[in-house]
């Protein structure tokens, strides 16, 4: 809403936009603190900043992507996440033809340089876009390098320790889910 230059918003207006009960919105926001004023509503800029703090999106997060194939290249060239404090700082691949290239704003390094580059660049998150048979090895290397959050695009279930947060992005499952609604 701040992109629309709206300075204040009421729980009623939020309810209409989100198809939610305004009372539930007030209750949910009140759980985290005092954000609005009765009869006036919520200051949009302040509310956005507070929600970012609650969701821990108020900091800049550096990402390492492993796999410079079609999907890895597409993700690296996708600029939308830059607005949200995310930045792919390094890409890793084993293909010597790709090492040294720049994709998006990141350089491609050899997978053997993963540990060093993660440490040097302060990378905190990993994205896996490698074939299924390589994904577990890549996940293990990311974890050994100190990565504690991984987004996996490989079509395989990875095993990670309890202190590592793993999200699987499975396009087939998403398409199957959509097919149900057709």
N, C-alpha and C. Protein backbone atom coordinates (compact mmCIF):
# COMPACT_ATOMS: atom_id res chain seq x y z
N UNK A 1 0.81 -1.20 0.00
CA UNK A 1 0.00 0.00 0.00
C UNK A 1 0.85 1.26 0.00
N UNK A 2 2.06 1.16 0.54
CA UNK A 2 2.93 2.34 0.51
C UNK A 2 3.30 2.69 -0.93
N UNK A 3 3.34 1.70 -1.83
CA UNK A 3 3.60 1.98 -3.24
C UNK A 3 2.48 2.82 -3.85
N UNK A 4 1.30 2.73 -3.25
CA UNK A 4 0.15 3.49 -3.73
C UNK A 4 0.06 4.86 -3.06
N UNK A 5 1.05 5.19 -2.23
CA UNK A 5 1.13 6.46 -1.51
C UNK A 5 -0.04 6.63 -0.54
N UNK A 6 -0.46 5.53 0.08
CA UNK A 6 -1.49 5.57 1.10
C UNK A 6 -0.78 5.69 2.44
N UNK A 7 -1.17 6.70 3.23
CA UNK A 7 -0.48 6.95 4.50
C UNK A 7 -1.07 6.17 5.66
N UNK A 8 -2.38 6.04 5.69
CA UNK A 8 -3.03 5.28 6.76
C UNK A 8 -4.03 4.31 6.16
N UNK A 9 -4.27 3.24 6.91
CA UNK A 9 -5.23 2.23 6.47
C UNK A 9 -5.94 1.69 7.71
N UNK A 10 -7.22 1.45 7.58
CA UNK A 10 -8.00 0.92 8.70
C UNK A 10 -8.04 -0.60 8.63
N UNK A 11 -8.40 -1.21 9.73
CA UNK A 11 -8.55 -2.67 9.74
C UNK A 11 -9.70 -3.07 8.80
N UNK A 12 -10.70 -2.21 8.66
CA UNK A 12 -11.80 -2.48 7.74
C UNK A 12 -11.27 -2.55 6.30
N UNK A 13 -10.44 -1.56 5.91
CA UNK A 13 -9.88 -1.54 4.55
C UNK A 13 -8.96 -2.74 4.32
N UNK A 14 -8.15 -3.07 5.32
CA UNK A 14 -7.29 -4.25 5.20
C UNK A 14 -8.14 -5.51 5.05
N UNK A 15 -9.22 -5.57 5.82
CA UNK A 15 -10.12 -6.72 5.74
C UNK A 15 -10.71 -6.89 4.34
N UNK A 16 -11.09 -5.79 3.73
CA UNK A 16 -11.63 -5.85 2.36
C UNK A 16 -10.57 -6.35 1.38
N UNK A 17 -9.35 -5.80 1.50
CA UNK A 17 -8.27 -6.19 0.59
C UNK A 17 -7.84 -7.65 0.77
N UNK A 18 -7.85 -8.11 2.02
CA UNK A 18 -7.35 -9.45 2.32
C UNK A 18 -8.47 -10.49 2.46
N UNK A 19 -9.71 -10.05 2.29
CA UNK A 19 -10.87 -10.93 2.47
C UNK A 19 -10.83 -11.59 3.84
N UNK A 20 -10.63 -10.73 4.85
CA UNK A 20 -10.57 -11.19 6.24
C UNK A 20 -11.47 -10.32 7.10
N UNK A 21 -11.78 -10.83 8.26
CA UNK A 21 -12.56 -10.10 9.25
C UNK A 21 -11.67 -9.01 9.86
N UNK A 22 -12.11 -7.74 9.86
CA UNK A 22 -11.29 -6.67 10.44
C UNK A 22 -10.95 -6.90 11.91
N UNK A 23 -11.86 -7.49 12.66
CA UNK A 23 -11.59 -7.78 14.07
C UNK A 23 -10.43 -8.76 14.21
N UNK A 24 -10.37 -9.74 13.31
CA UNK A 24 -9.26 -10.71 13.35
C UNK A 24 -7.93 -10.03 13.02
N UNK A 25 -7.97 -9.10 12.08
CA UNK A 25 -6.76 -8.35 11.74
C UNK A 25 -6.27 -7.56 12.95
N UNK A 26 -7.19 -6.85 13.62
CA UNK A 26 -6.81 -6.09 14.81
C UNK A 26 -6.24 -7.01 15.89
N UNK A 27 -6.88 -8.14 16.08
CA UNK A 27 -6.43 -9.10 17.10
C UNK A 27 -5.04 -9.66 16.76
N UNK A 28 -4.84 -10.03 15.50
CA UNK A 28 -3.55 -10.58 15.08
C UNK A 28 -2.43 -9.55 15.24
N UNK A 29 -2.68 -8.32 14.82
CA UNK A 29 -1.66 -7.28 14.96
C UNK A 29 -1.40 -6.94 16.42
N UNK A 30 -2.46 -6.92 17.24
CA UNK A 30 -2.31 -6.60 18.66
C UNK A 30 -1.45 -7.64 19.38
N UNK A 31 -1.43 -8.85 18.88
CA UNK A 31 -0.60 -9.90 19.48
C UNK A 31 0.88 -9.48 19.51
N UNK A 32 1.30 -8.70 18.51
CA UNK A 32 2.70 -8.30 18.39
C UNK A 32 2.97 -6.90 18.94
N UNK A 33 1.93 -6.16 19.30
CA UNK A 33 2.14 -4.83 19.86
C UNK A 33 1.08 -3.85 19.41
N UNK A 34 1.28 -2.59 19.79
CA UNK A 34 0.36 -1.51 19.44
C UNK A 34 0.82 -0.88 18.13
N UNK A 35 0.04 -1.05 17.09
CA UNK A 35 0.43 -0.51 15.79
C UNK A 35 -0.52 0.56 15.26
N UNK A 36 -1.75 0.56 15.73
CA UNK A 36 -2.73 1.50 15.19
C UNK A 36 -3.37 2.33 16.28
N UNK A 37 -4.19 3.31 15.83
CA UNK A 37 -4.93 4.14 16.77
C UNK A 37 -6.41 4.07 16.42
N UNK A 38 -7.20 3.86 17.46
CA UNK A 38 -8.65 3.72 17.27
C UNK A 38 -9.21 4.94 16.56
N UNK A 39 -10.01 4.68 15.52
CA UNK A 39 -10.64 5.75 14.76
C UNK A 39 -9.75 6.35 13.68
N UNK A 40 -8.46 6.03 13.73
CA UNK A 40 -7.53 6.58 12.73
C UNK A 40 -7.00 5.47 11.83
N UNK A 41 -6.64 4.36 12.44
CA UNK A 41 -6.11 3.24 11.67
C UNK A 41 -4.63 3.05 11.90
N UNK A 42 -3.98 2.52 10.89
CA UNK A 42 -2.56 2.17 10.97
C UNK A 42 -1.76 3.05 10.03
N UNK A 43 -0.63 3.57 10.51
CA UNK A 43 0.31 4.25 9.65
C UNK A 43 0.97 3.19 8.78
N UNK A 44 0.80 3.27 7.48
CA UNK A 44 1.22 2.21 6.56
C UNK A 44 2.72 1.98 6.62
N UNK A 45 3.52 3.04 6.56
CA UNK A 45 4.98 2.88 6.59
C UNK A 45 5.44 2.22 7.88
N UNK A 46 4.90 2.68 9.01
CA UNK A 46 5.26 2.12 10.31
C UNK A 46 4.84 0.65 10.40
N UNK A 47 3.63 0.35 9.93
CA UNK A 47 3.12 -1.02 9.97
C UNK A 47 3.98 -1.95 9.11
N UNK A 48 4.37 -1.51 7.94
CA UNK A 48 5.22 -2.32 7.06
C UNK A 48 6.55 -2.61 7.74
N UNK A 49 7.17 -1.59 8.34
CA UNK A 49 8.45 -1.80 9.03
C UNK A 49 8.31 -2.77 10.18
N UNK A 50 7.24 -2.65 10.96
CA UNK A 50 7.04 -3.54 12.11
C UNK A 50 6.80 -4.98 11.65
N UNK A 51 6.03 -5.16 10.59
CA UNK A 51 5.78 -6.51 10.08
C UNK A 51 7.09 -7.11 9.55
N UNK A 52 7.91 -6.30 8.89
CA UNK A 52 9.21 -6.79 8.43
C UNK A 52 10.07 -7.23 9.61
N UNK A 53 10.04 -6.47 10.71
CA UNK A 53 10.81 -6.85 11.90
C UNK A 53 10.29 -8.16 12.47
N UNK A 54 8.98 -8.31 12.57
CA UNK A 54 8.37 -9.53 13.11
C UNK A 54 8.77 -10.74 12.28
N UNK A 55 8.74 -10.59 10.95
CA UNK A 55 9.07 -11.69 10.04
C UNK A 55 10.58 -11.82 9.80
N UNK A 56 11.36 -10.95 10.45
CA UNK A 56 12.83 -10.94 10.31
C UNK A 56 13.25 -10.64 8.87
N UNK A 57 12.49 -9.79 8.22
CA UNK A 57 12.80 -9.37 6.85
C UNK A 57 13.37 -7.96 6.82
N UNK A 58 13.84 -7.50 7.97
CA UNK A 58 14.37 -6.14 8.08
C UNK A 58 15.89 -6.11 7.94
N UNK A 59 16.44 -7.17 7.43
CA UNK A 59 17.89 -7.25 7.24
C UNK A 59 18.17 -7.75 5.83
N UNK A 60 19.38 -7.50 5.38
CA UNK A 60 19.80 -7.90 4.05
C UNK A 60 20.35 -9.33 4.11
N UNK A 61 19.82 -10.24 3.31
CA UNK A 61 20.25 -11.63 3.32
C UNK A 61 20.97 -11.99 2.03
N UNK A 62 22.13 -12.59 2.18
CA UNK A 62 22.96 -12.98 1.04
C UNK A 62 22.75 -14.45 0.73
N UNK A 63 22.62 -14.75 -0.56
CA UNK A 63 22.28 -16.08 -1.02
C UNK A 63 23.37 -16.63 -1.92
N UNK A 64 23.62 -17.94 -1.79
CA UNK A 64 24.47 -18.67 -2.72
C UNK A 64 23.61 -19.66 -3.47
N UNK A 65 23.71 -19.68 -4.78
CA UNK A 65 22.91 -20.57 -5.62
C UNK A 65 23.83 -21.62 -6.23
N UNK A 66 23.44 -22.88 -6.15
CA UNK A 66 24.25 -23.97 -6.71
C UNK A 66 23.50 -24.58 -7.89
N UNK A 67 24.11 -24.47 -9.07
CA UNK A 67 23.53 -25.01 -10.30
C UNK A 67 23.25 -23.91 -11.30
N UNK A 68 24.12 -23.72 -12.26
CA UNK A 68 23.97 -22.65 -13.24
C UNK A 68 23.35 -23.17 -14.54
N UNK A 69 22.37 -24.08 -14.40
CA UNK A 69 21.61 -24.54 -15.56
C UNK A 69 20.49 -23.57 -15.87
N UNK A 70 19.51 -24.01 -16.62
CA UNK A 70 18.41 -23.14 -17.04
C UNK A 70 17.68 -22.52 -15.84
N UNK A 71 17.31 -23.35 -14.87
CA UNK A 71 16.57 -22.84 -13.71
C UNK A 71 17.44 -21.91 -12.88
N UNK A 72 18.68 -22.28 -12.63
CA UNK A 72 19.58 -21.43 -11.86
C UNK A 72 19.78 -20.07 -12.51
N UNK A 73 19.93 -20.08 -13.83
CA UNK A 73 20.09 -18.82 -14.57
C UNK A 73 18.83 -17.97 -14.45
N UNK A 74 17.67 -18.60 -14.61
CA UNK A 74 16.40 -17.87 -14.52
C UNK A 74 16.24 -17.24 -13.13
N UNK A 75 16.54 -17.99 -12.09
CA UNK A 75 16.43 -17.46 -10.73
C UNK A 75 17.43 -16.33 -10.52
N UNK A 76 18.63 -16.49 -11.01
CA UNK A 76 19.66 -15.46 -10.85
C UNK A 76 19.31 -14.17 -11.58
N UNK A 77 18.60 -14.28 -12.67
CA UNK A 77 18.21 -13.10 -13.44
C UNK A 77 16.91 -12.48 -12.96
N UNK A 78 16.23 -13.12 -12.04
CA UNK A 78 14.96 -12.63 -11.52
C UNK A 78 15.25 -11.50 -10.54
N UNK A 79 14.77 -10.31 -10.84
CA UNK A 79 15.12 -9.13 -10.04
C UNK A 79 14.15 -8.82 -8.90
N UNK A 80 13.01 -9.43 -8.85
CA UNK A 80 11.99 -9.06 -7.87
C UNK A 80 12.48 -9.19 -6.43
N UNK A 81 13.26 -10.23 -6.13
CA UNK A 81 13.70 -10.44 -4.75
C UNK A 81 14.64 -9.35 -4.26
N UNK A 82 15.25 -8.59 -5.16
CA UNK A 82 16.17 -7.52 -4.76
C UNK A 82 15.42 -6.48 -3.93
N UNK A 83 14.17 -6.22 -4.26
CA UNK A 83 13.36 -5.27 -3.50
C UNK A 83 13.13 -5.76 -2.08
N UNK A 84 13.25 -7.02 -1.86
CA UNK A 84 12.92 -7.60 -0.56
C UNK A 84 14.16 -7.96 0.27
N UNK A 85 15.27 -7.29 0.03
CA UNK A 85 16.48 -7.47 0.83
C UNK A 85 17.16 -8.82 0.66
N UNK A 86 17.03 -9.41 -0.52
CA UNK A 86 17.73 -10.65 -0.83
C UNK A 86 18.67 -10.38 -2.00
N UNK A 87 19.80 -11.03 -1.98
CA UNK A 87 20.73 -10.86 -3.09
C UNK A 87 21.53 -12.14 -3.30
N UNK A 88 21.51 -12.63 -4.52
CA UNK A 88 22.36 -13.78 -4.86
C UNK A 88 23.77 -13.23 -5.04
N UNK A 89 24.68 -13.63 -4.16
CA UNK A 89 26.04 -13.11 -4.14
C UNK A 89 27.03 -14.00 -4.88
N UNK A 90 26.68 -15.28 -5.04
CA UNK A 90 27.59 -16.21 -5.74
C UNK A 90 26.77 -17.36 -6.30
N UNK A 91 27.22 -17.85 -7.45
CA UNK A 91 26.62 -19.01 -8.09
C UNK A 91 27.72 -20.05 -8.21
N UNK A 92 27.37 -21.30 -8.00
CA UNK A 92 28.37 -22.37 -8.03
C UNK A 92 27.95 -23.43 -9.04
N UNK A 93 28.94 -23.92 -9.79
CA UNK A 93 28.69 -24.95 -10.79
C UNK A 93 30.00 -25.71 -11.01
N UNK A 94 29.89 -26.88 -11.62
CA UNK A 94 31.09 -27.68 -11.91
C UNK A 94 31.53 -27.55 -13.37
N UNK A 95 30.73 -26.90 -14.20
CA UNK A 95 31.05 -26.75 -15.62
C UNK A 95 32.10 -25.66 -15.81
N UNK A 96 33.32 -26.04 -16.26
CA UNK A 96 34.38 -25.04 -16.44
C UNK A 96 34.01 -23.94 -17.43
N UNK A 97 33.09 -24.22 -18.36
CA UNK A 97 32.65 -23.21 -19.33
C UNK A 97 31.86 -22.08 -18.65
N UNK A 98 31.23 -22.39 -17.51
CA UNK A 98 30.41 -21.40 -16.83
C UNK A 98 31.17 -20.63 -15.75
N UNK A 99 32.21 -21.25 -15.21
CA UNK A 99 33.00 -20.61 -14.15
C UNK A 99 33.61 -19.32 -14.68
N UNK A 100 33.46 -18.25 -13.90
CA UNK A 100 33.97 -16.95 -14.29
C UNK A 100 32.95 -16.06 -14.97
N UNK A 101 31.86 -16.65 -15.45
CA UNK A 101 30.81 -15.85 -16.08
C UNK A 101 30.04 -15.09 -15.01
N UNK A 102 29.34 -14.08 -15.46
CA UNK A 102 28.45 -13.33 -14.58
C UNK A 102 27.01 -13.59 -15.01
N UNK A 103 26.19 -13.97 -14.06
CA UNK A 103 24.77 -14.21 -14.34
C UNK A 103 23.99 -13.30 -13.39
N UNK A 104 23.16 -12.45 -13.95
CA UNK A 104 22.53 -11.44 -13.11
C UNK A 104 23.63 -10.56 -12.56
N UNK A 105 23.69 -10.44 -11.25
CA UNK A 105 24.74 -9.62 -10.64
C UNK A 105 25.79 -10.48 -9.93
N UNK A 106 25.74 -11.80 -10.13
CA UNK A 106 26.64 -12.69 -9.40
C UNK A 106 27.59 -13.43 -10.35
N UNK A 107 28.77 -13.70 -9.83
CA UNK A 107 29.77 -14.45 -10.59
C UNK A 107 29.59 -15.94 -10.33
N UNK A 108 29.89 -16.75 -11.35
CA UNK A 108 29.86 -18.20 -11.21
C UNK A 108 31.23 -18.68 -10.75
N UNK A 109 31.24 -19.41 -9.64
CA UNK A 109 32.46 -20.00 -9.10
C UNK A 109 32.37 -21.52 -9.24
N UNK A 110 33.51 -22.16 -9.21
CA UNK A 110 33.51 -23.62 -9.21
C UNK A 110 32.97 -24.11 -7.87
N UNK A 111 32.28 -25.21 -7.89
CA UNK A 111 31.70 -25.79 -6.67
C UNK A 111 32.78 -26.03 -5.61
N UNK A 112 34.00 -26.30 -6.04
CA UNK A 112 35.09 -26.51 -5.09
C UNK A 112 35.41 -25.26 -4.26
N UNK A 113 34.96 -24.09 -4.73
CA UNK A 113 35.20 -22.82 -4.02
C UNK A 113 34.06 -22.44 -3.08
N UNK A 114 33.07 -23.31 -2.94
CA UNK A 114 31.87 -23.00 -2.18
C UNK A 114 32.17 -22.56 -0.75
N UNK A 115 32.92 -23.33 -0.01
CA UNK A 115 33.22 -23.01 1.40
C UNK A 115 33.86 -21.62 1.51
N UNK A 116 34.88 -21.37 0.71
CA UNK A 116 35.61 -20.10 0.79
C UNK A 116 34.70 -18.92 0.44
N UNK A 117 33.94 -19.04 -0.63
CA UNK A 117 33.09 -17.93 -1.07
C UNK A 117 31.95 -17.66 -0.10
N UNK A 118 31.40 -18.70 0.49
CA UNK A 118 30.34 -18.51 1.48
C UNK A 118 30.88 -17.73 2.67
N UNK A 119 32.07 -18.10 3.12
CA UNK A 119 32.69 -17.39 4.24
C UNK A 119 33.06 -15.96 3.84
N UNK A 120 33.72 -15.79 2.69
CA UNK A 120 34.17 -14.46 2.26
C UNK A 120 33.02 -13.49 2.02
N UNK A 121 31.93 -13.99 1.47
CA UNK A 121 30.81 -13.13 1.11
C UNK A 121 29.73 -13.05 2.19
N UNK A 122 29.89 -13.83 3.25
CA UNK A 122 28.90 -13.81 4.33
C UNK A 122 27.55 -14.35 3.90
N UNK A 123 27.55 -15.35 3.04
CA UNK A 123 26.31 -15.93 2.52
C UNK A 123 25.60 -16.70 3.63
N UNK A 124 24.28 -16.48 3.73
CA UNK A 124 23.49 -17.07 4.81
C UNK A 124 22.48 -18.11 4.34
N UNK A 125 22.09 -18.05 3.08
CA UNK A 125 21.07 -18.96 2.55
C UNK A 125 21.59 -19.61 1.28
N UNK A 126 21.06 -20.82 0.99
CA UNK A 126 21.43 -21.52 -0.23
C UNK A 126 20.22 -21.89 -1.05
N UNK A 127 20.40 -21.88 -2.36
CA UNK A 127 19.38 -22.36 -3.30
C UNK A 127 20.01 -23.48 -4.10
N UNK A 128 19.31 -24.61 -4.20
CA UNK A 128 19.80 -25.76 -4.95
C UNK A 128 18.97 -25.92 -6.22
N UNK A 129 19.66 -25.89 -7.38
CA UNK A 129 18.99 -26.09 -8.68
C UNK A 129 19.79 -27.09 -9.51
N UNK A 130 20.23 -28.16 -8.87
CA UNK A 130 21.03 -29.18 -9.54
C UNK A 130 20.17 -30.41 -9.80
N UNK A 131 20.63 -31.36 -10.63
CA UNK A 131 19.88 -32.60 -10.84
C UNK A 131 19.71 -33.37 -9.52
N UNK A 132 18.65 -34.16 -9.46
CA UNK A 132 18.29 -34.88 -8.24
C UNK A 132 19.45 -35.70 -7.67
N UNK A 133 20.21 -36.36 -8.54
CA UNK A 133 21.27 -37.25 -8.06
C UNK A 133 22.41 -36.49 -7.39
N UNK A 134 22.51 -35.18 -7.60
CA UNK A 134 23.58 -34.37 -7.00
C UNK A 134 23.10 -33.55 -5.80
N UNK A 135 21.80 -33.45 -5.61
CA UNK A 135 21.23 -32.52 -4.64
C UNK A 135 21.66 -32.79 -3.20
N UNK A 136 21.67 -34.05 -2.76
CA UNK A 136 22.05 -34.33 -1.38
C UNK A 136 23.50 -33.96 -1.12
N UNK A 137 24.38 -34.26 -2.08
CA UNK A 137 25.80 -33.89 -1.92
C UNK A 137 25.94 -32.36 -1.81
N UNK A 138 25.19 -31.65 -2.62
CA UNK A 138 25.25 -30.19 -2.59
C UNK A 138 24.71 -29.68 -1.26
N UNK A 139 23.59 -30.23 -0.80
CA UNK A 139 23.03 -29.82 0.49
C UNK A 139 24.05 -30.05 1.61
N UNK A 140 24.70 -31.20 1.60
CA UNK A 140 25.71 -31.49 2.62
C UNK A 140 26.85 -30.48 2.59
N UNK A 141 27.27 -30.10 1.40
CA UNK A 141 28.35 -29.11 1.27
C UNK A 141 27.91 -27.74 1.77
N UNK A 142 26.68 -27.36 1.46
CA UNK A 142 26.16 -26.08 1.95
C UNK A 142 26.12 -26.08 3.48
N UNK A 143 25.63 -27.17 4.05
CA UNK A 143 25.52 -27.28 5.50
C UNK A 143 26.91 -27.26 6.14
N UNK A 144 27.85 -27.98 5.56
CA UNK A 144 29.23 -27.98 6.07
C UNK A 144 29.85 -26.59 6.01
N UNK A 145 29.39 -25.77 5.06
CA UNK A 145 29.92 -24.41 4.92
C UNK A 145 29.21 -23.42 5.85
N UNK A 146 28.22 -23.89 6.62
CA UNK A 146 27.56 -23.04 7.60
C UNK A 146 26.19 -22.55 7.20
N UNK A 147 25.66 -22.98 6.08
CA UNK A 147 24.33 -22.55 5.64
C UNK A 147 23.28 -23.26 6.49
N UNK A 148 22.29 -22.48 6.99
CA UNK A 148 21.25 -23.03 7.85
C UNK A 148 19.84 -22.85 7.26
N UNK A 149 19.76 -22.35 6.02
CA UNK A 149 18.47 -22.20 5.35
C UNK A 149 18.68 -22.53 3.87
N UNK A 150 17.90 -23.49 3.37
CA UNK A 150 18.08 -23.97 1.99
C UNK A 150 16.73 -24.02 1.29
N UNK A 151 16.71 -23.49 0.07
CA UNK A 151 15.56 -23.64 -0.82
C UNK A 151 15.96 -24.64 -1.89
N UNK A 152 15.27 -25.76 -1.94
CA UNK A 152 15.63 -26.87 -2.83
C UNK A 152 14.65 -26.96 -4.00
N UNK A 153 15.18 -26.82 -5.21
CA UNK A 153 14.38 -27.00 -6.42
C UNK A 153 14.57 -28.38 -7.03
N UNK A 154 15.51 -29.15 -6.52
CA UNK A 154 15.75 -30.49 -7.07
C UNK A 154 14.58 -31.41 -6.67
N UNK A 155 14.15 -32.27 -7.58
CA UNK A 155 13.00 -33.15 -7.30
C UNK A 155 13.39 -34.36 -6.45
N UNK A 156 13.83 -34.09 -5.22
CA UNK A 156 14.26 -35.16 -4.33
C UNK A 156 14.10 -34.67 -2.89
N UNK A 157 13.79 -35.60 -1.99
CA UNK A 157 13.71 -35.27 -0.57
C UNK A 157 15.10 -35.30 0.04
N UNK A 158 15.51 -34.18 0.56
CA UNK A 158 16.84 -34.07 1.15
C UNK A 158 16.78 -34.34 2.65
N UNK A 159 17.86 -34.89 3.17
CA UNK A 159 17.99 -35.11 4.61
C UNK A 159 18.92 -34.03 5.14
N UNK A 160 18.41 -33.26 6.10
CA UNK A 160 19.20 -32.20 6.72
C UNK A 160 19.06 -32.31 8.23
N UNK A 161 20.06 -31.81 8.97
CA UNK A 161 19.97 -31.85 10.43
C UNK A 161 18.85 -30.93 10.94
N UNK A 162 18.42 -31.14 12.18
CA UNK A 162 17.31 -30.34 12.73
C UNK A 162 17.59 -28.83 12.78
N UNK A 163 18.85 -28.42 12.81
CA UNK A 163 19.16 -26.99 12.89
C UNK A 163 19.20 -26.32 11.51
N UNK A 164 18.85 -27.05 10.46
CA UNK A 164 18.82 -26.49 9.11
C UNK A 164 17.37 -26.45 8.64
N UNK A 165 16.95 -25.28 8.18
CA UNK A 165 15.59 -25.14 7.69
C UNK A 165 15.59 -25.36 6.18
N UNK A 166 14.79 -26.30 5.72
CA UNK A 166 14.73 -26.69 4.31
C UNK A 166 13.34 -26.46 3.77
N UNK A 167 13.26 -25.79 2.62
CA UNK A 167 12.01 -25.64 1.89
C UNK A 167 12.20 -26.27 0.52
N UNK A 168 11.23 -27.06 0.11
CA UNK A 168 11.26 -27.69 -1.20
C UNK A 168 10.30 -26.95 -2.13
N UNK A 169 10.79 -26.56 -3.28
CA UNK A 169 9.97 -25.92 -4.30
C UNK A 169 9.73 -26.96 -5.38
N UNK A 170 8.58 -27.59 -5.33
CA UNK A 170 8.28 -28.68 -6.25
C UNK A 170 7.24 -28.22 -7.27
N UNK A 171 7.70 -27.90 -8.46
CA UNK A 171 6.81 -27.38 -9.50
C UNK A 171 5.77 -28.41 -9.93
N UNK A 172 6.14 -29.68 -9.95
CA UNK A 172 5.19 -30.72 -10.34
C UNK A 172 4.02 -30.77 -9.37
N UNK A 173 4.31 -30.74 -8.09
CA UNK A 173 3.25 -30.77 -7.07
C UNK A 173 2.35 -29.54 -7.21
N UNK A 174 2.94 -28.39 -7.46
CA UNK A 174 2.15 -27.18 -7.62
C UNK A 174 1.24 -27.28 -8.85
N UNK A 175 1.75 -27.82 -9.95
CA UNK A 175 0.93 -28.00 -11.15
C UNK A 175 -0.18 -29.01 -10.91
N UNK A 176 0.14 -30.08 -10.20
CA UNK A 176 -0.89 -31.07 -9.87
C UNK A 176 -1.98 -30.45 -9.01
N UNK A 177 -1.59 -29.61 -8.08
CA UNK A 177 -2.55 -28.91 -7.24
C UNK A 177 -3.46 -28.02 -8.08
N UNK A 178 -2.89 -27.31 -9.02
CA UNK A 178 -3.70 -26.47 -9.90
C UNK A 178 -4.63 -27.31 -10.79
N UNK A 179 -4.12 -28.43 -11.24
CA UNK A 179 -4.93 -29.32 -12.11
C UNK A 179 -6.21 -29.75 -11.40
N UNK A 180 -6.11 -29.96 -10.10
CA UNK A 180 -7.28 -30.36 -9.31
C UNK A 180 -8.40 -29.33 -9.48
N UNK A 181 -8.04 -28.06 -9.49
CA UNK A 181 -9.06 -27.00 -9.56
C UNK A 181 -9.61 -26.81 -10.97
N UNK A 182 -8.98 -27.37 -11.97
CA UNK A 182 -9.52 -27.30 -13.33
C UNK A 182 -10.60 -28.33 -13.52
